[in-house]
Amino acid sequence: MPSATTSAPVTAAEYRTSLSGATAPVNQALADLARARSGGAVQKALAKATDATGSARTRLDGVRTPDGARSDHTALAQAMDDLHSDLLDTSTGLRTPASSGLCTPGAAVTHIGTEKSFAALRTADAALAARGYRPGLVLPRMPKEQHRSLGNGTFLRDGNRSGRGILTVVNSGSTDTALTVARGKRPAFTVYVRRHSDVKVRHINDGTYTIYYASGEDWDRGAKKFSRGCTFQKFDRTSKFETTTTSTQIIYSTWTLTLKMGLGGNATVSDVPPGQYPS
């Protein structure tokens, strides 16, 4: 009877070569993602990294593994698969900021660096390296989360205010807000109101205005928006500013708007799709 044949155990050199072949494209893709800044560049880099991690997971599943490295190899493959899923979710989230909380391209890049899968990949790489099987992963340093803000009362946009109307904005919420007062879709001014702070805007021209407000975390000056947790809303009730002059006095409108409470304490608000928010 013919004797059974068995394959020779995989050598350390062969295993390292297989690991390197699987992980090298991931290194380049993640490095490109860490450097990406613009929306188009970030989306392209996310797509490239998603493809690279998916291909790497497939290749890792087919790699012959030394007996002593099987557990760590499985952990590496699982971390690669998890990162693949997180990259895919982040790419989708960047297109749906209202639900994902990822409101700028930079926030998406930063988010990947905070994922458990990213840390797990680093841990699995270190575990195999400690056994003498360095996978060849070179994970970049992703940008860290920032907590930027503007000074309370900073005008992001300011038109010709020459009236007598006064608007006091009280932000009792837990996040900063950029409040826009608009005639129709045309902004008259936008003022930044920090959380637990108030701002008084004077010299508002007569007219009927719709009041919008965007809230969130980490104001990105370049993008001119919050980078994380952004929400966009408007008060359903318009605010009318008018001035009446008599022989003895000038009567003008003053409004106090309390975010979280609404105009007069009982105004309703509606969500505004990001693409329909006045810019």
C-alpha atoms as a PDB file:
ATOM      1  CA  MET A   1       0.000   0.000   0.000  1.00  0.00           C
ATOM      2  CA  PRO A   2       1.302   3.473  -0.749  1.00  0.00           C
ATOM      3  CA  SER A   3       2.330   5.370   2.328  1.00  0.00           C
ATOM      4  CA  ALA A   4       0.536   8.564   3.336  1.00  0.00           C
ATOM      5  CA  THR A   5       2.388  11.762   2.589  1.00  0.00           C
ATOM      6  CA  THR A   6       2.559  14.726   4.908  1.00  0.00           C
ATOM      7  CA  SER A   7       3.670  18.234   4.092  1.00  0.00           C
ATOM      8  CA  ALA A   8       6.695  19.599   5.847  1.00  0.00           C
ATOM      9  CA  PRO A   9       6.017  22.097   8.640  1.00  0.00           C
ATOM     10  CA  VAL A  10       6.051  25.697   7.480  1.00  0.00           C
ATOM     11  CA  THR A  11       9.306  27.439   8.315  1.00  0.00           C
ATOM     12  CA  ALA A  12       9.515  30.738  10.153  1.00  0.00           C
ATOM     13  CA  ALA A  13      10.892  32.415   7.038  1.00  0.00           C
ATOM     14  CA  GLU A  14       8.030  31.111   4.884  1.00  0.00           C
ATOM     15  CA  TYR A  15       5.457  32.241   7.420  1.00  0.00           C
ATOM     16  CA  ARG A  16       6.967  35.724   7.727  1.00  0.00           C
ATOM     17  CA  THR A  17       6.973  36.051   3.932  1.00  0.00           C
ATOM     18  CA  SER A  18       3.295  35.100   3.783  1.00  0.00           C
ATOM     19  CA  LEU A  19       2.435  37.580   6.522  1.00  0.00           C
ATOM     20  CA  SER A  20       4.344  40.356   4.824  1.00  0.00           C
ATOM     21  CA  GLY A  21       2.607  39.702   1.518  1.00  0.00           C
ATOM     22  CA  ALA A  22      -0.792  39.969   3.183  1.00  0.00           C
ATOM     23  CA  THR A  23      -0.095  43.071   5.251  1.00  0.00           C
ATOM     24  CA  ALA A  24       2.049  45.248   2.954  1.00  0.00           C
ATOM     25  CA  PRO A  25      -0.928  46.708   1.024  1.00  0.00           C
ATOM     26  CA  VAL A  26      -2.615  47.511   4.342  1.00  0.00           C
ATOM     27  CA  ASN A  27       0.411  49.519   5.463  1.00  0.00           C
ATOM     28  CA  GLN A  28       0.265  51.755   2.403  1.00  0.00           C
ATOM     29  CA  ALA A  29      -3.509  52.142   2.486  1.00  0.00           C
ATOM     30  CA  LEU A  30      -3.593  53.167   6.152  1.00  0.00           C
ATOM     31  CA  ALA A  31      -0.660  55.547   5.652  1.00  0.00           C
ATOM     32  CA  ASP A  32      -2.590  57.218   2.824  1.00  0.00           C
ATOM     33  CA  LEU A  33      -5.655  57.475   5.054  1.00  0.00           C
ATOM     34  CA  ALA A  34      -3.692  59.101   7.878  1.00  0.00           C
ATOM     35  CA  ARG A  35      -2.441  61.781   5.451  1.00  0.00           C
ATOM     36  CA  ALA A  36      -5.782  62.434   3.730  1.00  0.00           C
ATOM     37  CA  ARG A  37      -7.437  65.776   4.439  1.00  0.00           C
ATOM     38  CA  SER A  38     -10.043  66.737   1.830  1.00  0.00           C
ATOM     39  CA  GLY A  39     -13.393  65.009   1.512  1.00  0.00           C
ATOM     40  CA  GLY A  40     -12.535  63.379  -1.799  1.00  0.00           C
ATOM     41  CA  ALA A  41      -9.126  62.224  -0.603  1.00  0.00           C
ATOM     42  CA  VAL A  42     -10.551  60.742   2.597  1.00  0.00           C
ATOM     43  CA  GLN A  43     -13.306  58.851   0.785  1.00  0.00           C
ATOM     44  CA  LYS A  44     -10.780  57.496  -1.715  1.00  0.00           C
ATOM     45  CA  ALA A  45      -8.390  56.474   1.074  1.00  0.00           C
ATOM     46  CA  LEU A  46     -11.202  54.817   3.041  1.00  0.00           C
ATOM     47  CA  ALA A  47     -12.187  52.792  -0.024  1.00  0.00           C
ATOM     48  CA  LYS A  48      -8.577  51.755  -0.615  1.00  0.00           C
ATOM     49  CA  ALA A  49      -8.084  50.751   3.026  1.00  0.00           C
ATOM     50  CA  THR A  50     -11.364  48.832   3.024  1.00  0.00           C
ATOM     51  CA  ASP A  51     -10.266  46.829  -0.012  1.00  0.00           C
ATOM     52  CA  ALA A  52      -6.774  46.250   1.407  1.00  0.00           C
ATOM     53  CA  THR A  53      -7.981  44.942   4.777  1.00  0.00           C
ATOM     54  CA  GLY A  54     -10.589  42.722   3.110  1.00  0.00           C
ATOM     55  CA  SER A  55      -7.974  41.218   0.803  1.00  0.00           C
ATOM     56  CA  ALA A  56      -5.547  40.804   3.698  1.00  0.00           C
ATOM     57  CA  ARG A  57      -8.115  38.879   5.721  1.00  0.00           C
ATOM     58  CA  THR A  58      -8.730  36.532   2.786  1.00  0.00           C
ATOM     59  CA  ARG A  59      -5.004  35.939   2.326  1.00  0.00           C
ATOM     60  CA  LEU A  60      -4.443  35.389   6.048  1.00  0.00           C
ATOM     61  CA  ASP A  61      -7.116  32.693   6.066  1.00  0.00           C
ATOM     62  CA  GLY A  62      -5.081  30.738   3.501  1.00  0.00           C
ATOM     63  CA  VAL A  63      -1.681  31.102   5.177  1.00  0.00           C
ATOM     64  CA  ARG A  64      -0.035  27.954   6.580  1.00  0.00           C
ATOM     65  CA  THR A  65       0.713  28.710  10.207  1.00  0.00           C
ATOM     66  CA  PRO A  66       3.336  27.280  12.591  1.00  0.00           C
ATOM     67  CA  ASP A  67       1.781  25.316  15.448  1.00  0.00           C
ATOM     68  CA  GLY A  68       2.890  27.783  18.109  1.00  0.00           C
ATOM     69  CA  ALA A  69       1.447  30.794  16.289  1.00  0.00           C
ATOM     70  CA  ARG A  70      -2.056  29.633  15.439  1.00  0.00           C
ATOM     71  CA  SER A  71      -3.864  31.454  18.224  1.00  0.00           C
ATOM     72  CA  ASP A  72      -2.085  34.748  17.551  1.00  0.00           C
ATOM     73  CA  HIS A  73      -2.563  34.306  13.804  1.00  0.00           C
ATOM     74  CA  THR A  74      -6.304  33.869  14.331  1.00  0.00           C
ATOM     75  CA  ALA A  75      -6.339  37.047  16.422  1.00  0.00           C
ATOM     76  CA  LEU A  76      -4.535  38.924  13.630  1.00  0.00           C
ATOM     77  CA  ALA A  77      -7.012  37.715  11.010  1.00  0.00           C
ATOM     78  CA  GLN A  78      -9.982  38.614  13.212  1.00  0.00           C
ATOM     79  CA  ALA A  79      -8.627  42.102  13.941  1.00  0.00           C
ATOM     80  CA  MET A  80      -8.074  42.624  10.218  1.00  0.00           C
ATOM     81  CA  ASP A  81     -11.651  41.565   9.512  1.00  0.00           C
ATOM     82  CA  ASP A  82     -13.013  43.855  12.232  1.00  0.00           C
ATOM     83  CA  LEU A  83     -11.022  46.804  10.895  1.00  0.00           C
ATOM     84  CA  HIS A  84     -12.364  46.060   7.424  1.00  0.00           C
ATOM     85  CA  SER A  85     -15.915  46.339   8.786  1.00  0.00           C
ATOM     86  CA  ASP A  86     -15.120  49.523  10.704  1.00  0.00           C
ATOM     87  CA  LEU A  87     -13.620  51.154   7.621  1.00  0.00           C
ATOM     88  CA  LEU A  88     -16.714  50.271   5.626  1.00  0.00           C
ATOM     89  CA  ASP A  89     -19.000  51.680   8.333  1.00  0.00           C
ATOM     90  CA  THR A  90     -16.940  54.867   8.585  1.00  0.00           C
ATOM     91  CA  SER A  91     -17.107  55.439   4.847  1.00  0.00           C
ATOM     92  CA  THR A  92     -20.877  55.119   5.012  1.00  0.00           C
ATOM     93  CA  GLY A  93     -21.027  57.295   8.123  1.00  0.00           C
ATOM     94  CA  LEU A  94     -19.177  60.138   6.445  1.00  0.00           C
ATOM     95  CA  ARG A  95     -22.037  60.341   3.954  1.00  0.00           C
ATOM     96  CA  THR A  96     -24.665  60.303   6.718  1.00  0.00           C
ATOM     97  CA  PRO A  97     -23.360  62.708   9.394  1.00  0.00           C
ATOM     98  CA  ALA A  98     -26.719  63.173  11.115  1.00  0.00           C
ATOM     99  CA  SER A  99     -26.800  59.506  12.175  1.00  0.00           C
ATOM    100  CA  SER A 100     -23.092  58.726  12.448  1.00  0.00           C
ATOM    101  CA  GLY A 101     -21.860  61.905  14.142  1.00  0.00           C
ATOM    102  CA  LEU A 102     -18.944  62.077  11.690  1.00  0.00           C
ATOM    103  CA  CYS A 103     -19.354  65.566  10.287  1.00  0.00           C
ATOM    104  CA  THR A 104     -16.028  66.312   8.576  1.00  0.00           C
ATOM    105  CA  PRO A 105     -13.480  64.227   6.650  1.00  0.00           C
ATOM    106  CA  GLY A 106     -10.964  64.747   9.446  1.00  0.00           C
ATOM    107  CA  ALA A 107     -13.385  63.308  11.985  1.00  0.00           C
ATOM    108  CA  ALA A 108     -13.658  60.121   9.932  1.00  0.00           C
ATOM    109  CA  VAL A 109      -9.881  59.672   9.864  1.00  0.00           C
ATOM    110  CA  THR A 110      -9.616  60.329  13.589  1.00  0.00           C
ATOM    111  CA  HIS A 111     -12.447  57.886  14.262  1.00  0.00           C
ATOM    112  CA  ILE A 112     -10.552  54.980  12.688  1.00  0.00           C
ATOM    113  CA  GLY A 113      -7.667  55.560  15.078  1.00  0.00           C
ATOM    114  CA  THR A 114     -10.031  55.209  18.052  1.00  0.00           C
ATOM    115  CA  GLU A 115     -11.605  51.938  16.917  1.00  0.00           C
ATOM    116  CA  LYS A 116     -10.976  48.810  19.021  1.00  0.00           C
ATOM    117  CA  SER A 117     -10.098  46.935  15.844  1.00  0.00           C
ATOM    118  CA  PHE A 118      -7.196  49.302  15.162  1.00  0.00           C
ATOM    119  CA  ALA A 119      -5.781  48.681  18.645  1.00  0.00           C
ATOM    120  CA  ALA A 120      -6.431  44.930  18.326  1.00  0.00           C
ATOM    121  CA  LEU A 121      -4.453  44.829  15.093  1.00  0.00           C
ATOM    122  CA  ARG A 122      -1.507  46.462  16.826  1.00  0.00           C
ATOM    123  CA  THR A 123      -1.768  43.989  19.720  1.00  0.00           C
ATOM    124  CA  ALA A 124      -1.890  40.967  17.401  1.00  0.00           C
ATOM    125  CA  ASP A 125       1.103  42.271  15.467  1.00  0.00           C
ATOM    126  CA  ALA A 126       3.090  42.625  18.703  1.00  0.00           C
ATOM    127  CA  ALA A 127       2.117  39.131  19.874  1.00  0.00           C
ATOM    128  CA  LEU A 128       3.371  37.490  16.675  1.00  0.00           C
ATOM    129  CA  ALA A 129       6.515  39.625  16.716  1.00  0.00           C
ATOM    130  CA  ALA A 130       7.247  38.384  20.239  1.00  0.00           C
ATOM    131  CA  ARG A 131       7.228  34.826  18.863  1.00  0.00           C
ATOM    132  CA  GLY A 132       9.671  35.786  16.137  1.00  0.00           C
ATOM    133  CA  TYR A 133       7.054  36.117  13.392  1.00  0.00           C
ATOM    134  CA  ARG A 134       6.804  39.843  12.801  1.00  0.00           C
ATOM    135  CA  PRO A 135       3.898  40.368  10.371  1.00  0.00           C
ATOM    136  CA  GLY A 136       5.414  43.515   8.917  1.00  0.00           C
ATOM    137  CA  LEU A 137       2.541  45.778   9.887  1.00  0.00           C
ATOM    138  CA  VAL A 138       3.459  49.449  10.158  1.00  0.00           C
ATOM    139  CA  LEU A 139       0.399  51.152  11.576  1.00  0.00           C
ATOM    140  CA  PRO A 140       0.446  54.949  11.258  1.00  0.00           C
ATOM    141  CA  ARG A 141      -0.400  57.383  14.007  1.00  0.00           C
ATOM    142  CA  MET A 142      -3.876  58.621  13.286  1.00  0.00           C
ATOM    143  CA  PRO A 143      -4.794  62.209  14.222  1.00  0.00           C
ATOM    144  CA  LYS A 144      -6.109  62.499  17.770  1.00  0.00           C
ATOM    145  CA  GLU A 145      -9.525  63.836  18.669  1.00  0.00           C
ATOM    146  CA  GLN A 146      -9.529  67.575  19.233  1.00  0.00           C
ATOM    147  CA  HIS A 147     -11.825  69.784  21.273  1.00  0.00           C
ATOM    148  CA  ARG A 148     -11.595  73.125  19.497  1.00  0.00           C
ATOM    149  CA  SER A 149     -13.944  76.000  20.150  1.00  0.00           C
ATOM    150  CA  LEU A 150     -14.438  79.657  19.270  1.00  0.00           C
ATOM    151  CA  GLY A 151     -14.794  82.551  21.654  1.00  0.00           C
ATOM    152  CA  ASN A 152     -18.303  83.122  22.927  1.00  0.00           C
ATOM    153  CA  GLY A 153     -20.019  85.726  20.764  1.00  0.00           C
ATOM    154  CA  THR A 154     -17.720  85.293  17.754  1.00  0.00           C
ATOM    155  CA  PHE A 155     -19.491  86.214  14.517  1.00  0.00           C
ATOM    156  CA  LEU A 156     -18.941  83.640  11.790  1.00  0.00           C
ATOM    157  CA  ARG A 157     -20.947  85.767   9.394  1.00  0.00           C
ATOM    158  CA  ASP A 158     -22.254  89.282   9.901  1.00  0.00           C
ATOM    159  CA  GLY A 159     -24.227  91.436   7.511  1.00  0.00           C
ATOM    160  CA  ASN A 160     -25.196  95.080   7.669  1.00  0.00           C
ATOM    161  CA  ARG A 161     -26.938  95.371  11.030  1.00  0.00           C
ATOM    162  CA  SER A 162     -28.277  98.905  11.458  1.00  0.00           C
ATOM    163  CA  GLY A 163     -31.647  98.381  13.131  1.00  0.00           C
ATOM    164  CA  ARG A 164     -32.726  98.516  16.754  1.00  0.00           C
ATOM    165  CA  GLY A 165     -33.766  94.924  17.382  1.00  0.00           C
ATOM    166  CA  ILE A 166     -32.068  92.900  20.099  1.00  0.00           C
ATOM    167  CA  LEU A 167     -31.726  89.125  20.317  1.00  0.00           C
ATOM    168  CA  THR A 168     -30.410  87.449  23.452  1.00  0.00           C
ATOM    169  CA  VAL A 169     -29.368  83.821  23.009  1.00  0.00           C
ATOM    170  CA  VAL A 170     -29.051  81.640  26.099  1.00  0.00           C
ATOM    171  CA  ASN A 171     -27.350  78.304  25.460  1.00  0.00           C
ATOM    172  CA  SER A 172     -28.310  76.073  28.356  1.00  0.00           C
ATOM    173  CA  GLY A 173     -27.239  72.966  26.480  1.00  0.00           C
ATOM    174  CA  SER A 174     -24.139  70.830  26.924  1.00  0.00           C
ATOM    175  CA  THR A 175     -22.657  71.570  23.485  1.00  0.00           C
ATOM    176  CA  ASP A 176     -21.559  74.704  21.653  1.00  0.00           C
ATOM    177  CA  THR A 177     -23.848  76.164  19.011  1.00  0.00           C
ATOM    178  CA  ALA A 178     -23.511  78.236  15.864  1.00  0.00           C
ATOM    179  CA  LEU A 179     -26.799  80.117  15.554  1.00  0.00           C
ATOM    180  CA  THR A 180     -27.930  81.548  12.223  1.00  0.00           C
ATOM    181  CA  VAL A 181     -30.621  84.189  11.826  1.00  0.00           C
ATOM    182  CA  ALA A 182     -31.917  84.145   8.253  1.00  0.00           C
ATOM    183  CA  ARG A 183     -34.466  85.784   6.010  1.00  0.00           C
ATOM    184  CA  GLY A 184     -35.755  82.810   4.111  1.00  0.00           C
ATOM    185  CA  LYS A 185     -32.611  80.877   3.221  1.00  0.00           C
ATOM    186  CA  ARG A 186     -30.386  83.962   3.217  1.00  0.00           C
ATOM    187  CA  PRO A 187     -28.396  84.300   6.459  1.00  0.00           C
ATOM    188  CA  ALA A 188     -28.310  87.732   8.086  1.00  0.00           C
ATOM    189  CA  PHE A 189     -25.689  86.678  10.630  1.00  0.00           C
ATOM    190  CA  THR A 190     -24.262  83.639  12.386  1.00  0.00           C
ATOM    191  CA  VAL A 191     -22.960  83.878  15.942  1.00  0.00           C
ATOM    192  CA  TYR A 192     -21.105  81.304  18.038  1.00  0.00           C
ATOM    193  CA  VAL A 193     -22.561  80.593  21.477  1.00  0.00           C
ATOM    194  CA  ARG A 194     -20.622  78.403  23.851  1.00  0.00           C
ATOM    195  CA  ARG A 195     -22.386  75.900  26.064  1.00  0.00           C
ATOM    196  CA  HIS A 196     -23.754  77.314  29.327  1.00  0.00           C
ATOM    197  CA  SER A 197     -23.238  80.837  27.961  1.00  0.00           C
ATOM    198  CA  ASP A 198     -25.309  83.657  26.520  1.00  0.00           C
ATOM    199  CA  VAL A 199     -24.835  86.246  23.786  1.00  0.00           C
ATOM    200  CA  LYS A 200     -26.685  89.482  23.055  1.00  0.00           C
ATOM    201  CA  VAL A 201     -26.876  90.669  19.436  1.00  0.00           C
ATOM    202  CA  ARG A 202     -27.907  94.286  18.887  1.00  0.00           C
ATOM    203  CA  HIS A 203     -28.873  96.412  15.872  1.00  0.00           C
ATOM    204  CA  ILE A 204     -30.954  93.739  14.153  1.00  0.00           C
ATOM    205  CA  ASN A 205     -32.818  95.110  11.154  1.00  0.00           C
ATOM    206  CA  ASP A 206     -36.592  94.964  10.971  1.00  0.00           C
ATOM    207  CA  GLY A 207     -37.969  91.877   9.274  1.00  0.00           C
ATOM    208  CA  THR A 208     -39.229  88.353   9.804  1.00  0.00           C
ATOM    209  CA  TYR A 209     -36.486  85.812  10.422  1.00  0.00           C
ATOM    210  CA  THR A 210     -36.110  82.064  10.704  1.00  0.00           C
ATOM    211  CA  ILE A 211     -33.638  80.975  13.355  1.00  0.00           C
ATOM    212  CA  TYR A 212     -31.426  77.958  12.730  1.00  0.00           C
ATOM    213  CA  TYR A 213     -28.813  76.432  14.969  1.00  0.00           C
ATOM    214  CA  ALA A 214     -26.082  73.856  14.491  1.00  0.00           C
ATOM    215  CA  SER A 215     -24.651  72.161  17.571  1.00  0.00           C
ATOM    216  CA  GLY A 216     -21.842  69.694  18.115  1.00  0.00           C
ATOM    217  CA  GLU A 217     -18.286  69.147  19.297  1.00  0.00           C
ATOM    218  CA  ASP A 218     -14.928  70.403  18.042  1.00  0.00           C
ATOM    219  CA  TRP A 219     -15.323  73.434  15.767  1.00  0.00           C
ATOM    220  CA  ASP A 220     -13.289  72.955  12.585  1.00  0.00           C
ATOM    221  CA  ARG A 221     -12.340  76.445  11.361  1.00  0.00           C
ATOM    222  CA  GLY A 222     -11.388  75.189   7.909  1.00  0.00           C
ATOM    223  CA  ALA A 223     -14.624  73.304   7.343  1.00  0.00           C
ATOM    224  CA  LYS A 224     -16.632  75.962   9.236  1.00  0.00           C
ATOM    225  CA  LYS A 225     -18.623  73.328  11.074  1.00  0.00           C
ATOM    226  CA  PHE A 226     -18.492  71.008  14.059  1.00  0.00           C
ATOM    227  CA  SER A 227     -16.511  67.871  13.345  1.00  0.00           C
ATOM    228  CA  ARG A 228     -18.400  65.464  15.626  1.00  0.00           C
ATOM    229  CA  GLY A 229     -21.916  64.944  16.863  1.00  0.00           C
ATOM    230  CA  CYS A 230     -23.389  67.642  14.653  1.00  0.00           C
ATOM    231  CA  THR A 231     -27.099  68.386  14.686  1.00  0.00           C
ATOM    232  CA  PHE A 232     -28.976  70.895  12.534  1.00  0.00           C
ATOM    233  CA  GLN A 233     -32.284  72.364  13.636  1.00  0.00           C
ATOM    234  CA  LYS A 234     -34.547  75.360  13.211  1.00  0.00           C
ATOM    235  CA  PHE A 235     -37.308  76.954  15.215  1.00  0.00           C
ATOM    236  CA  ASP A 236     -40.664  76.370  13.574  1.00  0.00           C
ATOM    237  CA  ARG A 237     -41.894  79.771  14.664  1.00  0.00           C
ATOM    238  CA  THR A 238     -40.397  82.777  12.905  1.00  0.00           C
ATOM    239  CA  SER A 239     -39.223  85.841  14.830  1.00  0.00           C
ATOM    240  CA  LYS A 240     -40.446  89.253  13.750  1.00  0.00           C
ATOM    241  CA  PHE A 241     -38.399  92.330  14.526  1.00  0.00           C
ATOM    242  CA  GLU A 242     -40.131  95.658  14.052  1.00  0.00           C
ATOM    243  CA  THR A 243     -39.634  99.256  15.084  1.00  0.00           C
ATOM    244  CA  THR A 244     -42.417 101.745  15.779  1.00  0.00           C
ATOM    245  CA  THR A 245     -41.721 105.449  16.191  1.00  0.00           C
ATOM    246  CA  THR A 246     -44.148 107.804  17.919  1.00  0.00           C
ATOM    247  CA  SER A 247     -43.876 111.435  18.883  1.00  0.00           C
ATOM    248  CA  THR A 248     -42.527 110.479  22.279  1.00  0.00           C
ATOM    249  CA  GLN A 249     -40.772 107.139  21.954  1.00  0.00           C
ATOM    250  CA  ILE A 250     -39.244 104.459  19.779  1.00  0.00           C
ATOM    251  CA  ILE A 251     -40.524 100.943  20.385  1.00  0.00           C
ATOM    252  CA  TYR A 252     -38.483  98.028  19.049  1.00  0.00           C
ATOM    253  CA  SER A 253     -38.449  94.258  19.319  1.00  0.00           C
ATOM    254  CA  THR A 254     -36.362  92.316  21.789  1.00  0.00           C
ATOM    255  CA  TRP A 255     -36.306  88.530  21.773  1.00  0.00           C
ATOM    256  CA  THR A 256     -34.771  86.099  24.220  1.00  0.00           C
ATOM    257  CA  LEU A 257     -34.081  82.668  22.817  1.00  0.00           C
ATOM    258  CA  THR A 258     -33.156  79.841  25.156  1.00  0.00           C
ATOM    259  CA  LEU A 259     -31.721  76.817  23.408  1.00  0.00           C
ATOM    260  CA  LYS A 260     -33.227  73.613  24.753  1.00  0.00           C
ATOM    261  CA  MET A 261     -36.256  75.601  25.930  1.00  0.00           C
ATOM    262  CA  GLY A 262     -37.250  77.472  22.789  1.00  0.00           C
ATOM    263  CA  LEU A 263     -38.709  80.884  22.153  1.00  0.00           C
ATOM    264  CA  GLY A 264     -41.003  81.887  24.970  1.00  0.00           C
ATOM    265  CA  GLY A 265     -40.381  78.491  26.564  1.00  0.00           C
ATOM    266  CA  ASN A 266     -42.785  76.584  24.331  1.00  0.00           C
ATOM    267  CA  ALA A 267     -41.548  76.883  20.748  1.00  0.00           C
ATOM    268  CA  THR A 268     -41.114  73.735  18.700  1.00  0.00           C
ATOM    269  CA  VAL A 269     -38.082  72.892  16.583  1.00  0.00           C
ATOM    270  CA  SER A 270     -37.504  70.704  13.551  1.00  0.00           C
ATOM    271  CA  ASP A 271     -34.460  68.861  12.282  1.00  0.00           C
ATOM    272  CA  VAL A 272     -32.920  70.250   9.107  1.00  0.00           C
ATOM    273  CA  PRO A 273     -31.090  67.983   6.624  1.00  0.00           C
ATOM    274  CA  PRO A 274     -27.434  69.117   6.453  1.00  0.00           C
ATOM    275  CA  GLY A 275     -27.761  69.842   2.746  1.00  0.00           C
ATOM    276  CA  GLN A 276     -30.659  72.232   3.381  1.00  0.00           C
ATOM    277  CA  TYR A 277     -29.012  74.176   6.185  1.00  0.00           C
ATOM    278  CA  PRO A 278     -28.284  77.845   5.267  1.00  0.00           C
ATOM    279  CA  SER A 279     -24.672  78.368   4.294  1.00  0.00           C
END
